[in-house]
Amino acid sequence: MLKFYVTLQTLFIAGADRLKGDNEKGATAVEYGIMVALIAAVIVGIVATLGTEIRTAFTTVVNALP
């Protein structure tokens, strides 16, 4: 009987948690999405800048070769 009571209590608590809702998960996902987008933008900017500089350096080396 005690096992049945504990099972019902656990189900009741789990149901109450679902009904209450957890809005923090959505906010956290949005925050992580914004961080990923910003990191991606920084990476694209760095790659574009370094790519141009590296291309210039290789062109200089190739033109210096006989």
C-alpha atoms as a PDB file:
ATOM      1  CA  MET A   1       0.000   0.000   0.000  1.00  0.00           C
ATOM      2  CA  LEU A   2       2.878   2.373   0.809  1.00  0.00           C
ATOM      3  CA  LYS A   3       4.419   1.704  -2.605  1.00  0.00           C
ATOM      4  CA  PHE A   4       1.132   2.589  -4.295  1.00  0.00           C
ATOM      5  CA  TYR A   5       0.887   5.821  -2.252  1.00  0.00           C
ATOM      6  CA  VAL A   6       4.459   6.829  -3.153  1.00  0.00           C
ATOM      7  CA  THR A   7       3.782   6.108  -6.838  1.00  0.00           C
ATOM      8  CA  LEU A   8       0.652   8.269  -6.808  1.00  0.00           C
ATOM      9  CA  GLN A   9       2.481  11.050  -5.000  1.00  0.00           C
ATOM     10  CA  THR A  10       5.319  10.955  -7.530  1.00  0.00           C
ATOM     11  CA  LEU A  11       2.878  11.071 -10.451  1.00  0.00           C
ATOM     12  CA  PHE A  12       1.017  13.971  -8.842  1.00  0.00           C
ATOM     13  CA  ILE A  13       4.229  15.963  -8.340  1.00  0.00           C
ATOM     14  CA  ALA A  14       5.377  15.264 -11.905  1.00  0.00           C
ATOM     15  CA  GLY A  15       1.970  16.332 -13.245  1.00  0.00           C
ATOM     16  CA  ALA A  16       2.015  19.499 -11.184  1.00  0.00           C
ATOM     17  CA  ASP A  17       5.475  20.354 -12.531  1.00  0.00           C
ATOM     18  CA  ARG A  18       4.247  19.900 -16.097  1.00  0.00           C
ATOM     19  CA  LEU A  19       1.213  22.086 -15.531  1.00  0.00           C
ATOM     20  CA  LYS A  20       3.292  24.776 -13.863  1.00  0.00           C
ATOM     21  CA  GLY A  21       5.492  24.999 -16.959  1.00  0.00           C
ATOM     22  CA  ASP A  22       9.148  25.817 -17.112  1.00  0.00           C
ATOM     23  CA  ASN A  23       9.720  29.026 -19.038  1.00  0.00           C
ATOM     24  CA  GLU A  24      13.434  29.093 -18.276  1.00  0.00           C
ATOM     25  CA  LYS A  25      14.195  26.369 -20.824  1.00  0.00           C
ATOM     26  CA  GLY A  26      12.869  28.512 -23.678  1.00  0.00           C
ATOM     27  CA  ALA A  27      14.792  31.561 -22.544  1.00  0.00           C
ATOM     28  CA  THR A  28      17.968  29.531 -22.199  1.00  0.00           C
ATOM     29  CA  ALA A  29      17.589  28.135 -25.717  1.00  0.00           C
ATOM     30  CA  VAL A  30      17.143  31.651 -27.106  1.00  0.00           C
ATOM     31  CA  GLU A  31      20.202  32.880 -25.228  1.00  0.00           C
ATOM     32  CA  TYR A  32      22.309  29.995 -26.544  1.00  0.00           C
ATOM     33  CA  GLY A  33      21.026  30.678 -30.058  1.00  0.00           C
ATOM     34  CA  ILE A  34      22.078  34.319 -29.822  1.00  0.00           C
ATOM     35  CA  MET A  35      25.513  33.345 -28.512  1.00  0.00           C
ATOM     36  CA  VAL A  36      26.015  30.840 -31.348  1.00  0.00           C
ATOM     37  CA  ALA A  37      24.983  33.448 -33.920  1.00  0.00           C
ATOM     38  CA  LEU A  38      27.411  36.007 -32.501  1.00  0.00           C
ATOM     39  CA  ILE A  39      30.255  33.491 -32.386  1.00  0.00           C
ATOM     40  CA  ALA A  40      29.536  32.500 -35.998  1.00  0.00           C
ATOM     41  CA  ALA A  41      29.558  36.161 -37.073  1.00  0.00           C
ATOM     42  CA  VAL A  42      32.924  36.724 -35.369  1.00  0.00           C
ATOM     43  CA  ILE A  43      34.384  33.614 -37.010  1.00  0.00           C
ATOM     44  CA  VAL A  44      33.165  34.694 -40.457  1.00  0.00           C
ATOM     45  CA  GLY A  45      34.676  38.152 -39.945  1.00  0.00           C
ATOM     46  CA  ILE A  46      38.030  36.750 -38.820  1.00  0.00           C
ATOM     47  CA  VAL A  47      38.194  34.239 -41.662  1.00  0.00           C
ATOM     48  CA  ALA A  48      37.339  36.924 -44.224  1.00  0.00           C
ATOM     49  CA  THR A  49      40.018  39.263 -42.860  1.00  0.00           C
ATOM     50  CA  LEU A  50      42.725  36.638 -42.498  1.00  0.00           C
ATOM     51  CA  GLY A  51      41.847  35.077 -45.830  1.00  0.00           C
ATOM     52  CA  THR A  52      42.557  38.341 -47.624  1.00  0.00           C
ATOM     53  CA  GLU A  53      45.831  38.850 -45.771  1.00  0.00           C
ATOM     54  CA  ILE A  54      46.969  35.269 -46.412  1.00  0.00           C
ATOM     55  CA  ARG A  55      46.104  35.553 -50.106  1.00  0.00           C
ATOM     56  CA  THR A  56      48.187  38.730 -50.318  1.00  0.00           C
ATOM     57  CA  ALA A  57      51.118  37.029 -48.573  1.00  0.00           C
ATOM     58  CA  PHE A  58      51.028  34.006 -50.898  1.00  0.00           C
ATOM     59  CA  THR A  59      50.728  36.239 -53.964  1.00  0.00           C
ATOM     60  CA  THR A  60      53.800  38.148 -52.812  1.00  0.00           C
ATOM     61  CA  VAL A  61      55.731  34.902 -52.340  1.00  0.00           C
ATOM     62  CA  VAL A  62      54.643  33.515 -55.729  1.00  0.00           C
ATOM     63  CA  ASN A  63      55.610  36.735 -57.509  1.00  0.00           C
ATOM     64  CA  ALA A  64      59.017  36.705 -55.798  1.00  0.00           C
ATOM     65  CA  LEU A  65      59.809  33.216 -57.082  1.00  0.00           C
ATOM     66  CA  PRO A  66      61.750  32.992 -60.368  1.00  0.00           C
END
